[in-house]
Amino acid sequence: MTLKQPVTHLAFIRASSGRSAELGARLRDLLEPSLSTPGCLSFTVQRSQADADLWLLSGSWQDQQAMRGYFASPTLEVFGELVQAQVVSSLDLHTFD
């Protein structure tokens, strides 16, 4: 029997100039649907204290399968929209187990 291990993702998201408030509002809209996703253990959105344009999106998941399912979900289509609308200037995603 293989034990499932929790996994975490950290996404550092930089807002385009003058768009940080808009980005923060859109990211906060992800909280409720993300927390209700099967396998989600925690999900947070935080703004950097030192850089008002930098946001951190972090989530912990029951296992790799739950996190992959979340990444493939319609909930994350918002990132495509934000990039298209030039609200996001960069996105740096890391996953950990």
N, C-alpha and C. Protein backbone atom coordinates (compact mmCIF):
# COMPACT_ATOMS: atom_id res chain seq x y z
N MET A 1 0.84 -1.19 0.00
CA MET A 1 0.00 0.00 0.00
C MET A 1 0.88 1.25 0.00
N THR A 2 0.62 2.18 -0.90
CA THR A 2 1.36 3.43 -0.99
C THR A 2 0.64 4.50 -0.18
N LEU A 3 1.37 5.16 0.70
CA LEU A 3 0.78 6.24 1.47
C LEU A 3 0.76 7.51 0.63
N LYS A 4 -0.38 8.19 0.67
CA LYS A 4 -0.48 9.46 -0.04
C LYS A 4 0.10 10.55 0.84
N GLN A 5 0.89 11.40 0.24
CA GLN A 5 1.57 12.46 0.97
C GLN A 5 1.00 13.81 0.56
N PRO A 6 0.73 14.70 1.52
CA PRO A 6 0.25 16.04 1.16
C PRO A 6 1.27 16.76 0.28
N VAL A 7 0.78 17.59 -0.60
CA VAL A 7 1.63 18.40 -1.47
C VAL A 7 1.18 19.86 -1.39
N THR A 8 2.08 20.74 -1.75
CA THR A 8 1.82 22.18 -1.64
C THR A 8 2.23 22.87 -2.93
N HIS A 9 1.50 23.92 -3.28
CA HIS A 9 1.93 24.77 -4.38
C HIS A 9 2.07 26.20 -3.86
N LEU A 10 3.06 26.89 -4.39
CA LEU A 10 3.27 28.31 -4.11
C LEU A 10 3.37 29.01 -5.45
N ALA A 11 2.55 30.00 -5.64
CA ALA A 11 2.57 30.78 -6.89
C ALA A 11 2.85 32.24 -6.53
N PHE A 12 3.96 32.75 -7.04
CA PHE A 12 4.29 34.16 -6.87
C PHE A 12 3.80 34.88 -8.12
N ILE A 13 2.88 35.81 -7.93
CA ILE A 13 2.21 36.46 -9.06
C ILE A 13 2.45 37.96 -8.96
N ARG A 14 3.02 38.51 -10.02
CA ARG A 14 3.30 39.94 -10.05
C ARG A 14 2.25 40.64 -10.91
N ALA A 15 1.66 41.68 -10.34
CA ALA A 15 0.68 42.48 -11.06
C ALA A 15 1.37 43.43 -12.03
N SER A 16 0.72 43.67 -13.13
CA SER A 16 1.20 44.72 -14.04
C SER A 16 1.05 46.06 -13.33
N SER A 17 1.82 47.03 -13.74
CA SER A 17 1.82 48.35 -13.12
C SER A 17 0.40 48.92 -13.03
N GLY A 18 0.03 49.33 -11.81
CA GLY A 18 -1.27 49.94 -11.58
C GLY A 18 -2.43 48.96 -11.49
N ARG A 19 -2.16 47.64 -11.53
CA ARG A 19 -3.25 46.64 -11.57
C ARG A 19 -3.28 45.75 -10.33
N SER A 20 -2.51 46.07 -9.29
CA SER A 20 -2.41 45.19 -8.13
C SER A 20 -3.74 45.00 -7.40
N ALA A 21 -4.49 46.06 -7.21
CA ALA A 21 -5.78 45.95 -6.51
C ALA A 21 -6.73 45.02 -7.28
N GLU A 22 -6.75 45.18 -8.59
CA GLU A 22 -7.59 44.33 -9.43
C GLU A 22 -7.15 42.87 -9.34
N LEU A 23 -5.84 42.64 -9.40
CA LEU A 23 -5.32 41.28 -9.30
C LEU A 23 -5.69 40.67 -7.95
N GLY A 24 -5.49 41.43 -6.88
CA GLY A 24 -5.83 40.93 -5.55
C GLY A 24 -7.29 40.55 -5.42
N ALA A 25 -8.17 41.36 -5.96
CA ALA A 25 -9.60 41.04 -5.91
C ALA A 25 -9.90 39.75 -6.66
N ARG A 26 -9.32 39.59 -7.83
CA ARG A 26 -9.54 38.37 -8.62
C ARG A 26 -8.97 37.14 -7.93
N LEU A 27 -7.80 37.29 -7.31
CA LEU A 27 -7.20 36.16 -6.60
C LEU A 27 -8.04 35.78 -5.38
N ARG A 28 -8.55 36.78 -4.67
CA ARG A 28 -9.41 36.49 -3.51
C ARG A 28 -10.70 35.78 -3.93
N ASP A 29 -11.14 36.03 -5.15
CA ASP A 29 -12.33 35.33 -5.66
C ASP A 29 -12.08 33.83 -5.78
N LEU A 30 -10.81 33.42 -5.80
CA LEU A 30 -10.48 32.00 -5.89
C LEU A 30 -10.59 31.27 -4.55
N LEU A 31 -10.60 32.02 -3.44
CA LEU A 31 -10.58 31.40 -2.12
C LEU A 31 -11.70 30.39 -1.91
N GLU A 32 -12.93 30.82 -2.01
CA GLU A 32 -14.06 29.92 -1.72
C GLU A 32 -14.11 28.69 -2.62
N PRO A 33 -14.04 28.87 -3.95
CA PRO A 33 -14.10 27.66 -4.79
C PRO A 33 -12.89 26.74 -4.58
N SER A 34 -11.75 27.31 -4.29
CA SER A 34 -10.56 26.48 -4.07
C SER A 34 -10.68 25.68 -2.78
N LEU A 35 -11.11 26.34 -1.72
CA LEU A 35 -11.26 25.65 -0.44
C LEU A 35 -12.31 24.55 -0.49
N SER A 36 -13.28 24.66 -1.39
CA SER A 36 -14.32 23.63 -1.49
C SER A 36 -13.95 22.53 -2.48
N THR A 37 -12.77 22.62 -3.09
CA THR A 37 -12.31 21.59 -4.02
C THR A 37 -11.95 20.33 -3.25
N PRO A 38 -12.38 19.16 -3.72
CA PRO A 38 -12.01 17.92 -3.04
C PRO A 38 -10.49 17.79 -2.90
N GLY A 39 -10.04 17.46 -1.70
CA GLY A 39 -8.62 17.27 -1.45
C GLY A 39 -7.88 18.51 -1.00
N CYS A 40 -8.55 19.67 -0.98
CA CYS A 40 -7.89 20.91 -0.55
C CYS A 40 -7.81 20.92 0.98
N LEU A 41 -6.59 21.07 1.50
CA LEU A 41 -6.37 21.15 2.94
C LEU A 41 -6.30 22.60 3.42
N SER A 42 -5.76 23.47 2.57
CA SER A 42 -5.70 24.90 2.88
C SER A 42 -5.44 25.67 1.59
N PHE A 43 -5.83 26.94 1.60
CA PHE A 43 -5.63 27.79 0.43
C PHE A 43 -5.59 29.23 0.92
N THR A 44 -4.55 29.97 0.55
CA THR A 44 -4.42 31.36 1.01
C THR A 44 -3.97 32.28 -0.13
N VAL A 45 -4.33 33.53 0.02
CA VAL A 45 -3.88 34.61 -0.87
C VAL A 45 -3.27 35.68 0.03
N GLN A 46 -2.02 36.07 -0.28
CA GLN A 46 -1.35 37.08 0.52
C GLN A 46 -0.64 38.08 -0.38
N ARG A 47 -0.57 39.32 0.09
CA ARG A 47 0.14 40.37 -0.62
C ARG A 47 1.45 40.66 0.11
N SER A 48 2.51 40.85 -0.62
CA SER A 48 3.81 41.14 -0.04
C SER A 48 3.77 42.46 0.74
N GLN A 49 4.41 42.46 1.89
CA GLN A 49 4.51 43.69 2.68
C GLN A 49 5.54 44.64 2.08
N ALA A 50 6.50 44.10 1.34
CA ALA A 50 7.59 44.92 0.79
C ALA A 50 7.36 45.36 -0.65
N ASP A 51 6.47 44.66 -1.35
CA ASP A 51 6.25 44.93 -2.78
C ASP A 51 4.76 44.82 -3.07
N ALA A 52 4.09 45.93 -3.20
CA ALA A 52 2.63 45.96 -3.35
C ALA A 52 2.13 45.27 -4.61
N ASP A 53 3.00 45.02 -5.57
CA ASP A 53 2.58 44.35 -6.80
C ASP A 53 2.78 42.83 -6.77
N LEU A 54 3.33 42.31 -5.66
CA LEU A 54 3.63 40.89 -5.58
C LEU A 54 2.64 40.17 -4.66
N TRP A 55 2.05 39.11 -5.19
CA TRP A 55 1.06 38.31 -4.47
C TRP A 55 1.54 36.88 -4.36
N LEU A 56 1.14 36.20 -3.28
CA LEU A 56 1.45 34.79 -3.06
C LEU A 56 0.15 34.02 -2.95
N LEU A 57 0.02 33.02 -3.77
CA LEU A 57 -1.12 32.12 -3.74
C LEU A 57 -0.57 30.77 -3.30
N SER A 58 -1.05 30.24 -2.18
CA SER A 58 -0.53 28.95 -1.71
C SER A 58 -1.67 28.01 -1.38
N GLY A 59 -1.43 26.75 -1.66
CA GLY A 59 -2.43 25.74 -1.37
C GLY A 59 -1.77 24.45 -0.94
N SER A 60 -2.42 23.75 -0.03
CA SER A 60 -1.98 22.42 0.38
C SER A 60 -3.06 21.44 -0.01
N TRP A 61 -2.62 20.31 -0.50
CA TRP A 61 -3.52 19.32 -1.06
C TRP A 61 -3.27 17.95 -0.45
N GLN A 62 -4.31 17.18 -0.36
CA GLN A 62 -4.26 15.84 0.22
C GLN A 62 -3.20 14.98 -0.44
N ASP A 63 -3.06 15.11 -1.75
CA ASP A 63 -2.08 14.33 -2.49
C ASP A 63 -1.88 14.94 -3.87
N GLN A 64 -0.93 14.39 -4.60
CA GLN A 64 -0.60 14.90 -5.94
C GLN A 64 -1.81 14.87 -6.86
N GLN A 65 -2.60 13.82 -6.78
CA GLN A 65 -3.77 13.69 -7.65
C GLN A 65 -4.78 14.82 -7.41
N ALA A 66 -5.01 15.17 -6.14
CA ALA A 66 -5.93 16.26 -5.82
C ALA A 66 -5.42 17.59 -6.38
N MET A 67 -4.11 17.84 -6.24
CA MET A 67 -3.55 19.09 -6.74
C MET A 67 -3.63 19.13 -8.27
N ARG A 68 -3.31 18.03 -8.92
CA ARG A 68 -3.41 17.99 -10.40
C ARG A 68 -4.84 18.24 -10.86
N GLY A 69 -5.79 17.65 -10.15
CA GLY A 69 -7.20 17.87 -10.50
C GLY A 69 -7.58 19.33 -10.38
N TYR A 70 -7.09 19.99 -9.35
CA TYR A 70 -7.36 21.40 -9.16
C TYR A 70 -6.75 22.23 -10.29
N PHE A 71 -5.49 21.93 -10.64
CA PHE A 71 -4.84 22.66 -11.71
C PHE A 71 -5.57 22.51 -13.04
N ALA A 72 -6.26 21.41 -13.23
CA ALA A 72 -6.99 21.16 -14.48
C ALA A 72 -8.43 21.66 -14.42
N SER A 73 -8.84 22.22 -13.29
CA SER A 73 -10.24 22.62 -13.11
C SER A 73 -10.55 23.96 -13.76
N PRO A 74 -11.82 24.19 -14.06
CA PRO A 74 -12.24 25.48 -14.63
C PRO A 74 -11.97 26.66 -13.70
N THR A 75 -11.81 26.42 -12.40
CA THR A 75 -11.53 27.49 -11.45
C THR A 75 -10.28 28.27 -11.86
N LEU A 76 -9.30 27.58 -12.41
CA LEU A 76 -8.04 28.24 -12.73
C LEU A 76 -8.02 28.92 -14.10
N GLU A 77 -9.13 28.89 -14.80
CA GLU A 77 -9.20 29.61 -16.07
C GLU A 77 -8.99 31.10 -15.86
N VAL A 78 -9.19 31.56 -14.62
CA VAL A 78 -9.00 32.98 -14.31
C VAL A 78 -7.58 33.44 -14.65
N PHE A 79 -6.59 32.54 -14.53
CA PHE A 79 -5.22 32.95 -14.83
C PHE A 79 -5.04 33.28 -16.30
N GLY A 80 -5.65 32.51 -17.17
CA GLY A 80 -5.61 32.83 -18.59
C GLY A 80 -6.23 34.17 -18.87
N GLU A 81 -7.35 34.44 -18.21
CA GLU A 81 -8.04 35.72 -18.39
C GLU A 81 -7.17 36.88 -17.90
N LEU A 82 -6.52 36.70 -16.75
CA LEU A 82 -5.69 37.76 -16.19
C LEU A 82 -4.46 38.05 -17.05
N VAL A 83 -3.88 37.01 -17.61
CA VAL A 83 -2.74 37.19 -18.51
C VAL A 83 -3.20 37.88 -19.79
N GLN A 84 -4.30 37.43 -20.35
CA GLN A 84 -4.83 38.04 -21.58
C GLN A 84 -5.14 39.53 -21.38
N ALA A 85 -5.70 39.86 -20.21
CA ALA A 85 -6.06 41.25 -19.92
C ALA A 85 -4.86 42.07 -19.42
N GLN A 86 -3.69 41.44 -19.40
CA GLN A 86 -2.44 42.08 -18.97
C GLN A 86 -2.50 42.61 -17.54
N VAL A 87 -3.24 41.89 -16.68
CA VAL A 87 -3.29 42.22 -15.26
C VAL A 87 -2.07 41.61 -14.57
N VAL A 88 -1.62 40.46 -15.08
CA VAL A 88 -0.46 39.74 -14.53
C VAL A 88 0.75 40.01 -15.42
N SER A 89 1.86 40.40 -14.78
CA SER A 89 3.08 40.59 -15.57
C SER A 89 3.98 39.36 -15.48
N SER A 90 3.89 38.59 -14.37
CA SER A 90 4.67 37.34 -14.27
C SER A 90 4.01 36.39 -13.28
N LEU A 91 4.29 35.12 -13.49
CA LEU A 91 3.76 34.06 -12.63
C LEU A 91 4.87 33.04 -12.45
N ASP A 92 5.20 32.74 -11.20
CA ASP A 92 6.26 31.79 -10.89
C ASP A 92 5.66 30.73 -9.96
N LEU A 93 5.44 29.52 -10.47
CA LEU A 93 4.77 28.45 -9.73
C LEU A 93 5.77 27.39 -9.31
N HIS A 94 5.66 26.96 -8.04
CA HIS A 94 6.49 25.90 -7.50
C HIS A 94 5.60 24.91 -6.77
N THR A 95 5.91 23.61 -6.88
CA THR A 95 5.17 22.60 -6.13
C THR A 95 6.15 21.83 -5.25
N PHE A 96 5.65 21.38 -4.11
CA PHE A 96 6.49 20.70 -3.12
C PHE A 96 5.76 19.50 -2.55
N ASP A 97 6.53 18.48 -2.22
CA ASP A 97 5.95 17.34 -1.50
C ASP A 97 6.79 17.00 -0.29
